[in-house]
């Protein structure tokens, strides 16, 4: 009955939304882990995500793709057959998005069967309306995560 925040940020914009998501999880009393990629070891990341029912993928778009350290982590999770998670992604972009497309490609290619909530993308730093969408996504993820937990 826990969520892992799998995240990375280039200029701190996505990091601001991660901080906000953490406050929501704390206010709801949800146990969570926070793994910043590429700072975490691959084995620790896989073990932590494996035992979590819900995953928050927080990563910006980088050259029309998902931030490379987070994309690499997701590919490794796919190789290890970490399937059936409830997940929510958010992240910033500069001039164009594109991270969502690569995320879907990774999940499909690895047959991960993750239950993905609609992502939230924001240009630059998250504005108040973006944070409201992030909050809605986190709350929906908590709901889906609790449905997946076997008591």
N, C-alpha and C. Protein backbone atom coordinates (compact mmCIF):
# COMPACT_ATOMS: atom_id res chain seq x y z
N UNK A 1 0.86 -1.19 0.00
CA UNK A 1 0.00 0.00 0.00
C UNK A 1 0.89 1.23 0.00
N UNK A 2 1.66 1.38 -1.10
CA UNK A 2 2.56 2.53 -1.19
C UNK A 2 2.76 2.95 -2.64
N UNK A 3 3.25 4.16 -2.77
CA UNK A 3 3.51 4.76 -4.08
C UNK A 3 5.00 5.08 -4.17
N UNK A 4 5.57 4.89 -5.34
CA UNK A 4 6.94 5.33 -5.59
C UNK A 4 6.91 6.47 -6.59
N UNK A 5 7.60 7.53 -6.24
CA UNK A 5 7.79 8.66 -7.16
C UNK A 5 9.13 8.40 -7.86
N UNK A 6 9.05 8.09 -9.14
CA UNK A 6 10.23 7.85 -9.97
C UNK A 6 10.42 9.12 -10.78
N UNK A 7 11.47 9.88 -10.48
CA UNK A 7 11.52 11.21 -11.07
C UNK A 7 12.92 11.65 -11.47
N UNK A 8 12.94 12.68 -12.31
CA UNK A 8 14.15 13.35 -12.71
C UNK A 8 13.76 14.73 -13.19
N UNK A 9 14.68 15.68 -13.07
CA UNK A 9 14.39 17.05 -13.48
C UNK A 9 15.68 17.69 -13.97
N UNK A 10 15.58 18.46 -15.05
CA UNK A 10 16.78 19.10 -15.59
C UNK A 10 17.01 20.47 -14.98
N UNK A 11 15.97 21.27 -14.89
CA UNK A 11 16.11 22.66 -14.43
C UNK A 11 15.25 22.95 -13.21
N UNK A 12 14.72 21.91 -12.58
CA UNK A 12 13.95 22.10 -11.37
C UNK A 12 12.46 22.34 -11.57
N UNK A 13 12.00 22.44 -12.81
CA UNK A 13 10.58 22.71 -13.07
C UNK A 13 9.72 21.51 -12.68
N UNK A 14 10.10 20.33 -13.14
CA UNK A 14 9.36 19.11 -12.77
C UNK A 14 9.52 18.86 -11.27
N UNK A 15 10.69 19.17 -10.73
CA UNK A 15 10.94 19.01 -9.30
C UNK A 15 9.96 19.79 -8.43
N UNK A 16 9.53 20.97 -8.89
CA UNK A 16 8.55 21.76 -8.14
C UNK A 16 7.22 21.01 -8.03
N UNK A 17 6.82 20.36 -9.11
CA UNK A 17 5.58 19.58 -9.09
C UNK A 17 5.74 18.31 -8.25
N UNK A 18 6.95 17.75 -8.20
CA UNK A 18 7.21 16.59 -7.34
C UNK A 18 7.01 16.99 -5.88
N UNK A 19 7.55 18.14 -5.51
CA UNK A 19 7.38 18.63 -4.13
C UNK A 19 5.90 18.77 -3.79
N UNK A 20 5.14 19.28 -4.72
CA UNK A 20 3.69 19.46 -4.53
C UNK A 20 3.00 18.10 -4.38
N UNK A 21 3.36 17.15 -5.23
CA UNK A 21 2.77 15.81 -5.16
C UNK A 21 3.09 15.16 -3.81
N UNK A 22 4.31 15.38 -3.32
CA UNK A 22 4.70 14.83 -2.01
C UNK A 22 3.80 15.36 -0.90
N UNK A 23 3.51 16.65 -0.95
CA UNK A 23 2.64 17.26 0.07
C UNK A 23 1.25 16.62 0.06
N UNK A 24 0.75 16.31 -1.13
CA UNK A 24 -0.56 15.67 -1.25
C UNK A 24 -0.51 14.27 -0.62
N UNK A 25 0.53 13.51 -0.95
CA UNK A 25 0.67 12.16 -0.40
C UNK A 25 0.76 12.22 1.13
N UNK A 26 1.53 13.18 1.64
CA UNK A 26 1.66 13.34 3.10
C UNK A 26 0.32 13.69 3.73
N UNK A 27 -0.42 14.61 3.10
CA UNK A 27 -1.70 15.03 3.68
C UNK A 27 -2.72 13.89 3.70
N UNK A 28 -2.57 12.93 2.78
CA UNK A 28 -3.49 11.79 2.71
C UNK A 28 -2.96 10.58 3.50
N UNK A 29 -1.80 10.74 4.12
CA UNK A 29 -1.23 9.65 4.91
C UNK A 29 -0.78 8.46 4.09
N UNK A 30 -0.37 8.71 2.84
CA UNK A 30 0.06 7.62 1.96
C UNK A 30 1.57 7.41 2.10
N UNK A 31 1.96 6.17 2.32
CA UNK A 31 3.38 5.83 2.37
C UNK A 31 3.95 5.94 0.96
N UNK A 32 5.11 6.57 0.85
CA UNK A 32 5.70 6.71 -0.49
C UNK A 32 7.22 6.67 -0.42
N UNK A 33 7.81 6.38 -1.56
CA UNK A 33 9.26 6.38 -1.77
C UNK A 33 9.53 7.41 -2.85
N UNK A 34 10.67 8.05 -2.77
CA UNK A 34 11.04 9.07 -3.77
C UNK A 34 12.41 8.70 -4.32
N UNK A 35 12.44 8.36 -5.61
CA UNK A 35 13.68 7.93 -6.25
C UNK A 35 14.05 8.89 -7.37
N UNK A 36 15.12 9.63 -7.18
CA UNK A 36 15.57 10.55 -8.24
C UNK A 36 16.55 9.83 -9.14
N UNK A 37 16.21 9.82 -10.42
CA UNK A 37 17.07 9.18 -11.41
C UNK A 37 17.92 10.25 -12.08
N UNK A 38 19.20 10.03 -12.30
CA UNK A 38 19.92 8.76 -12.22
C UNK A 38 20.66 8.52 -10.89
N UNK A 39 20.28 9.20 -9.82
CA UNK A 39 21.03 9.09 -8.57
C UNK A 39 20.84 7.76 -7.84
N UNK A 40 19.71 7.10 -8.04
CA UNK A 40 19.44 5.82 -7.37
C UNK A 40 20.09 4.67 -8.13
N UNK A 41 20.46 3.63 -7.41
CA UNK A 41 21.00 2.45 -8.08
C UNK A 41 19.85 1.73 -8.78
N UNK A 42 20.20 1.07 -9.87
CA UNK A 42 19.19 0.35 -10.65
C UNK A 42 18.51 -0.73 -9.81
N UNK A 43 19.28 -1.48 -9.03
CA UNK A 43 18.71 -2.56 -8.25
C UNK A 43 17.76 -2.04 -7.17
N UNK A 44 18.11 -0.94 -6.53
CA UNK A 44 17.24 -0.34 -5.51
C UNK A 44 15.95 0.17 -6.15
N UNK A 45 16.09 0.78 -7.33
CA UNK A 45 14.93 1.31 -8.05
C UNK A 45 13.97 0.17 -8.40
N UNK A 46 14.49 -0.92 -8.97
CA UNK A 46 13.63 -2.04 -9.37
C UNK A 46 12.93 -2.63 -8.15
N UNK A 47 13.66 -2.86 -7.07
CA UNK A 47 13.07 -3.46 -5.86
C UNK A 47 11.98 -2.56 -5.28
N UNK A 48 12.22 -1.26 -5.26
CA UNK A 48 11.26 -0.31 -4.67
C UNK A 48 10.00 -0.22 -5.52
N UNK A 49 10.16 -0.10 -6.83
CA UNK A 49 9.00 -0.01 -7.72
C UNK A 49 8.22 -1.33 -7.69
N UNK A 50 8.93 -2.45 -7.65
CA UNK A 50 8.28 -3.76 -7.65
C UNK A 50 7.28 -3.90 -6.50
N UNK A 51 7.64 -3.38 -5.31
CA UNK A 51 6.77 -3.56 -4.14
C UNK A 51 5.71 -2.46 -4.01
N UNK A 52 5.72 -1.49 -4.89
CA UNK A 52 4.74 -0.39 -4.83
C UNK A 52 3.56 -0.66 -5.76
N UNK A 53 2.36 -0.39 -5.28
CA UNK A 53 1.17 -0.59 -6.11
C UNK A 53 0.98 0.57 -7.08
N UNK A 54 1.45 1.77 -6.69
CA UNK A 54 1.28 2.96 -7.52
C UNK A 54 2.61 3.61 -7.84
N UNK A 55 2.71 4.17 -9.04
CA UNK A 55 3.95 4.81 -9.48
C UNK A 55 3.62 6.20 -10.01
N UNK A 56 4.34 7.20 -9.53
CA UNK A 56 4.29 8.53 -10.13
C UNK A 56 5.57 8.67 -10.95
N UNK A 57 5.40 8.88 -12.25
CA UNK A 57 6.52 9.10 -13.15
C UNK A 57 6.59 10.61 -13.38
N UNK A 58 7.60 11.24 -12.84
CA UNK A 58 7.73 12.69 -12.96
C UNK A 58 8.99 12.97 -13.75
N UNK A 59 8.81 13.37 -15.00
CA UNK A 59 9.96 13.56 -15.88
C UNK A 59 9.62 14.55 -16.98
N UNK A 60 10.56 15.45 -17.26
CA UNK A 60 10.33 16.41 -18.33
C UNK A 60 10.55 15.79 -19.71
N UNK A 61 10.13 16.54 -20.71
CA UNK A 61 10.45 16.19 -22.09
C UNK A 61 11.86 16.69 -22.37
N UNK A 62 12.65 15.85 -23.02
CA UNK A 62 14.00 16.20 -23.41
C UNK A 62 14.16 15.83 -24.88
N UNK A 63 14.28 16.83 -25.74
CA UNK A 63 14.41 16.61 -27.18
C UNK A 63 13.32 15.67 -27.72
N UNK A 64 12.07 16.00 -27.43
CA UNK A 64 10.88 15.27 -27.90
C UNK A 64 10.74 13.88 -27.29
N UNK A 65 11.50 13.58 -26.27
CA UNK A 65 11.47 12.26 -25.64
C UNK A 65 11.36 12.43 -24.13
N UNK A 66 11.19 11.32 -23.43
CA UNK A 66 11.18 11.28 -21.98
C UNK A 66 12.60 11.53 -21.48
N UNK A 67 12.75 12.27 -20.39
CA UNK A 67 14.05 12.54 -19.78
C UNK A 67 14.84 11.23 -19.70
N UNK A 68 16.02 11.14 -20.36
CA UNK A 68 16.72 9.86 -20.53
C UNK A 68 16.93 9.01 -19.27
N UNK A 69 17.32 9.57 -18.10
CA UNK A 69 17.49 8.68 -16.94
C UNK A 69 16.18 8.00 -16.49
N UNK A 70 15.05 8.67 -16.66
CA UNK A 70 13.77 8.07 -16.29
C UNK A 70 13.35 7.06 -17.36
N UNK A 71 13.60 7.37 -18.62
CA UNK A 71 13.30 6.41 -19.69
C UNK A 71 14.11 5.13 -19.50
N UNK A 72 15.39 5.27 -19.13
CA UNK A 72 16.24 4.10 -18.89
C UNK A 72 15.71 3.27 -17.72
N UNK A 73 15.26 3.94 -16.68
CA UNK A 73 14.69 3.23 -15.52
C UNK A 73 13.44 2.46 -15.92
N UNK A 74 12.57 3.08 -16.70
CA UNK A 74 11.35 2.41 -17.15
C UNK A 74 11.66 1.22 -18.06
N UNK A 75 12.65 1.38 -18.92
CA UNK A 75 13.07 0.26 -19.77
C UNK A 75 13.57 -0.91 -18.93
N UNK A 76 14.32 -0.60 -17.87
CA UNK A 76 14.82 -1.65 -16.98
C UNK A 76 13.66 -2.34 -16.26
N UNK A 77 12.67 -1.56 -15.83
CA UNK A 77 11.49 -2.15 -15.19
C UNK A 77 10.77 -3.08 -16.16
N UNK A 78 10.73 -2.68 -17.42
CA UNK A 78 10.13 -3.54 -18.45
C UNK A 78 10.91 -4.83 -18.64
N UNK A 79 12.23 -4.72 -18.67
CA UNK A 79 13.07 -5.92 -18.81
C UNK A 79 12.89 -6.88 -17.64
N UNK A 80 12.63 -6.31 -16.46
CA UNK A 80 12.45 -7.12 -15.25
C UNK A 80 10.99 -7.58 -15.09
N UNK A 81 10.15 -7.26 -16.08
CA UNK A 81 8.74 -7.67 -16.09
C UNK A 81 7.96 -7.13 -14.88
N UNK A 82 8.17 -5.87 -14.57
CA UNK A 82 7.39 -5.22 -13.52
C UNK A 82 6.10 -4.73 -14.18
N UNK A 83 5.03 -5.50 -13.98
CA UNK A 83 3.78 -5.26 -14.70
C UNK A 83 2.63 -4.90 -13.76
N UNK A 84 1.56 -4.41 -14.36
CA UNK A 84 0.29 -4.22 -13.66
C UNK A 84 0.24 -3.11 -12.64
N UNK A 85 1.08 -2.12 -12.75
CA UNK A 85 1.08 -1.01 -11.78
C UNK A 85 0.05 0.06 -12.18
N UNK A 86 -0.47 0.76 -11.18
CA UNK A 86 -1.24 1.98 -11.44
C UNK A 86 -0.21 3.10 -11.55
N UNK A 87 -0.34 3.96 -12.54
CA UNK A 87 0.70 4.97 -12.75
C UNK A 87 0.11 6.30 -13.22
N UNK A 88 0.84 7.36 -12.89
CA UNK A 88 0.48 8.72 -13.27
C UNK A 88 1.77 9.45 -13.62
N UNK A 89 1.77 10.14 -14.78
CA UNK A 89 2.96 10.88 -15.19
C UNK A 89 2.67 12.36 -15.31
N UNK A 90 3.64 13.15 -14.88
CA UNK A 90 3.60 14.58 -15.16
C UNK A 90 5.01 15.06 -15.44
N UNK A 91 5.10 16.20 -16.11
CA UNK A 91 6.41 16.77 -16.39
C UNK A 91 6.33 18.03 -17.20
N UNK A 92 7.44 18.74 -17.20
CA UNK A 92 7.52 20.02 -17.91
C UNK A 92 8.09 19.81 -19.32
N UNK A 93 7.92 20.84 -20.11
CA UNK A 93 8.55 20.86 -21.43
C UNK A 93 8.93 22.30 -21.74
N UNK A 94 9.86 22.47 -22.69
CA UNK A 94 10.29 23.81 -23.07
C UNK A 94 9.45 24.31 -24.22
N UNK A 95 9.74 23.86 -25.42
CA UNK A 95 9.02 24.35 -26.60
C UNK A 95 8.07 23.31 -27.15
N UNK A 96 8.25 22.05 -26.79
CA UNK A 96 7.39 21.00 -27.33
C UNK A 96 7.38 19.81 -26.39
N UNK A 97 6.27 19.10 -26.35
CA UNK A 97 6.18 17.88 -25.56
C UNK A 97 6.77 16.71 -26.34
N UNK A 98 6.39 15.51 -25.98
CA UNK A 98 6.87 14.32 -26.67
C UNK A 98 7.18 13.18 -25.72
N UNK A 99 7.31 13.48 -24.43
CA UNK A 99 7.63 12.45 -23.44
C UNK A 99 6.55 11.38 -23.38
N UNK A 100 5.31 11.80 -23.52
CA UNK A 100 4.18 10.87 -23.41
C UNK A 100 4.27 9.76 -24.46
N UNK A 101 4.64 10.13 -25.67
CA UNK A 101 4.75 9.16 -26.76
C UNK A 101 5.78 8.09 -26.42
N UNK A 102 6.94 8.51 -25.93
CA UNK A 102 7.98 7.54 -25.59
C UNK A 102 7.55 6.68 -24.40
N UNK A 103 6.91 7.26 -23.41
CA UNK A 103 6.42 6.49 -22.27
C UNK A 103 5.50 5.36 -22.75
N UNK A 104 4.55 5.69 -23.61
CA UNK A 104 3.62 4.68 -24.13
C UNK A 104 4.35 3.61 -24.92
N UNK A 105 5.37 4.01 -25.68
CA UNK A 105 6.16 3.04 -26.46
C UNK A 105 6.87 2.06 -25.53
N UNK A 106 7.45 2.57 -24.45
CA UNK A 106 8.17 1.71 -23.49
C UNK A 106 7.19 0.72 -22.85
N UNK A 107 6.05 1.22 -22.40
CA UNK A 107 5.06 0.36 -21.73
C UNK A 107 4.54 -0.71 -22.68
N UNK A 108 4.26 -0.33 -23.93
CA UNK A 108 3.73 -1.29 -24.90
C UNK A 108 4.78 -2.31 -25.32
N UNK A 109 5.98 -1.83 -25.64
CA UNK A 109 7.05 -2.71 -26.10
C UNK A 109 7.36 -3.80 -25.05
N UNK A 110 7.31 -3.43 -23.79
CA UNK A 110 7.64 -4.36 -22.71
C UNK A 110 6.42 -5.08 -22.14
N UNK A 111 5.24 -4.83 -22.74
CA UNK A 111 3.99 -5.46 -22.30
C UNK A 111 3.81 -5.32 -20.78
N UNK A 112 3.98 -4.07 -20.29
CA UNK A 112 3.96 -3.81 -18.86
C UNK A 112 2.54 -3.73 -18.28
N UNK A 113 1.56 -3.48 -19.13
CA UNK A 113 0.16 -3.46 -18.69
C UNK A 113 -0.06 -2.56 -17.47
N UNK A 114 0.51 -1.35 -17.51
CA UNK A 114 0.31 -0.39 -16.43
C UNK A 114 -1.00 0.36 -16.67
N UNK A 115 -1.73 0.60 -15.62
CA UNK A 115 -3.00 1.34 -15.67
C UNK A 115 -2.65 2.82 -15.53
N UNK A 116 -2.55 3.48 -16.69
CA UNK A 116 -2.04 4.85 -16.73
C UNK A 116 -3.16 5.89 -16.68
N UNK A 117 -3.03 6.78 -15.72
CA UNK A 117 -3.95 7.92 -15.60
C UNK A 117 -3.47 8.98 -16.59
N UNK A 118 -4.39 9.77 -17.11
CA UNK A 118 -4.03 10.81 -18.08
C UNK A 118 -2.93 11.72 -17.51
N UNK A 119 -1.89 11.91 -18.30
CA UNK A 119 -0.73 12.69 -17.88
C UNK A 119 -1.00 14.19 -17.85
N UNK A 120 -0.14 14.88 -17.14
CA UNK A 120 -0.20 16.34 -17.07
C UNK A 120 1.16 16.87 -17.53
N UNK A 121 1.12 17.71 -18.57
CA UNK A 121 2.35 18.35 -19.05
C UNK A 121 2.18 19.85 -18.94
N UNK A 122 3.24 20.53 -18.55
CA UNK A 122 3.17 21.98 -18.39
C UNK A 122 4.44 22.62 -18.97
N UNK A 123 4.25 23.80 -19.53
CA UNK A 123 5.37 24.53 -20.13
C UNK A 123 6.11 25.29 -19.04
N UNK A 124 7.41 25.01 -18.93
CA UNK A 124 8.23 25.68 -17.91
C UNK A 124 7.82 25.28 -16.51
N UNK A 125 7.83 26.24 -15.61
CA UNK A 125 7.45 25.97 -14.21
C UNK A 125 5.95 25.72 -14.13
N UNK A 126 5.52 24.82 -13.24
CA UNK A 126 4.08 24.56 -13.12
C UNK A 126 3.35 25.77 -12.56
N UNK A 127 2.26 26.12 -13.22
CA UNK A 127 1.41 27.22 -12.75
C UNK A 127 0.33 26.63 -11.84
N UNK A 128 -0.44 27.48 -11.21
CA UNK A 128 -1.45 27.00 -10.27
C UNK A 128 -2.41 26.01 -10.92
N UNK A 129 -2.84 26.31 -12.16
CA UNK A 129 -3.78 25.40 -12.83
C UNK A 129 -3.13 24.04 -13.14
N UNK A 130 -1.81 24.05 -13.37
CA UNK A 130 -1.09 22.79 -13.59
C UNK A 130 -1.04 21.97 -12.31
N UNK A 131 -0.79 22.64 -11.20
CA UNK A 131 -0.71 21.95 -9.91
C UNK A 131 -2.07 21.37 -9.51
N UNK A 132 -3.14 22.05 -9.88
CA UNK A 132 -4.49 21.52 -9.61
C UNK A 132 -4.68 20.22 -10.38
N UNK A 133 -4.19 20.18 -11.64
CA UNK A 133 -4.28 18.95 -12.44
C UNK A 133 -3.39 17.84 -11.87
N UNK A 134 -2.21 18.22 -11.39
CA UNK A 134 -1.31 17.25 -10.76
C UNK A 134 -1.99 16.66 -9.52
N UNK A 135 -2.60 17.51 -8.72
CA UNK A 135 -3.30 17.03 -7.52
C UNK A 135 -4.41 16.05 -7.88
N UNK A 136 -5.19 16.38 -8.89
CA UNK A 136 -6.28 15.48 -9.32
C UNK A 136 -5.71 14.13 -9.75
N UNK A 137 -4.59 14.15 -10.48
CA UNK A 137 -3.96 12.90 -10.92
C UNK A 137 -3.43 12.07 -9.76
N UNK A 138 -2.81 12.74 -8.78
CA UNK A 138 -2.28 12.03 -7.62
C UNK A 138 -3.43 11.40 -6.83
N UNK A 139 -4.53 12.14 -6.64
CA UNK A 139 -5.67 11.61 -5.90
C UNK A 139 -6.29 10.40 -6.63
N UNK A 140 -6.35 10.48 -7.96
CA UNK A 140 -6.87 9.36 -8.75
C UNK A 140 -5.93 8.15 -8.63
N UNK A 141 -4.63 8.42 -8.61
CA UNK A 141 -3.65 7.34 -8.47
C UNK A 141 -3.81 6.65 -7.10
N UNK A 142 -4.00 7.42 -6.05
CA UNK A 142 -4.19 6.85 -4.71
C UNK A 142 -5.38 5.89 -4.74
N UNK A 143 -6.46 6.34 -5.38
CA UNK A 143 -7.67 5.52 -5.50
C UNK A 143 -7.37 4.20 -6.22
N UNK A 144 -6.72 4.30 -7.39
CA UNK A 144 -6.40 3.12 -8.19
C UNK A 144 -5.42 2.20 -7.46
N UNK A 145 -4.46 2.80 -6.76
CA UNK A 145 -3.48 2.02 -6.02
C UNK A 145 -4.18 1.19 -4.95
N UNK A 146 -5.10 1.79 -4.26
CA UNK A 146 -5.80 1.10 -3.18
C UNK A 146 -6.66 -0.04 -3.73
N UNK A 147 -7.15 0.10 -4.96
CA UNK A 147 -7.91 -0.98 -5.59
C UNK A 147 -7.01 -2.18 -5.90
N UNK A 148 -5.72 -1.92 -6.16
CA UNK A 148 -4.79 -2.98 -6.53
C UNK A 148 -4.20 -3.71 -5.32
N UNK A 149 -4.24 -3.09 -4.17
CA UNK A 149 -3.59 -3.66 -2.98
C UNK A 149 -4.35 -4.88 -2.49
N UNK A 150 -3.62 -5.94 -2.28
CA UNK A 150 -4.21 -7.17 -1.73
C UNK A 150 -4.00 -7.13 -0.23
N UNK A 151 -5.09 -7.14 0.51
CA UNK A 151 -4.98 -7.09 1.98
C UNK A 151 -4.54 -8.42 2.54
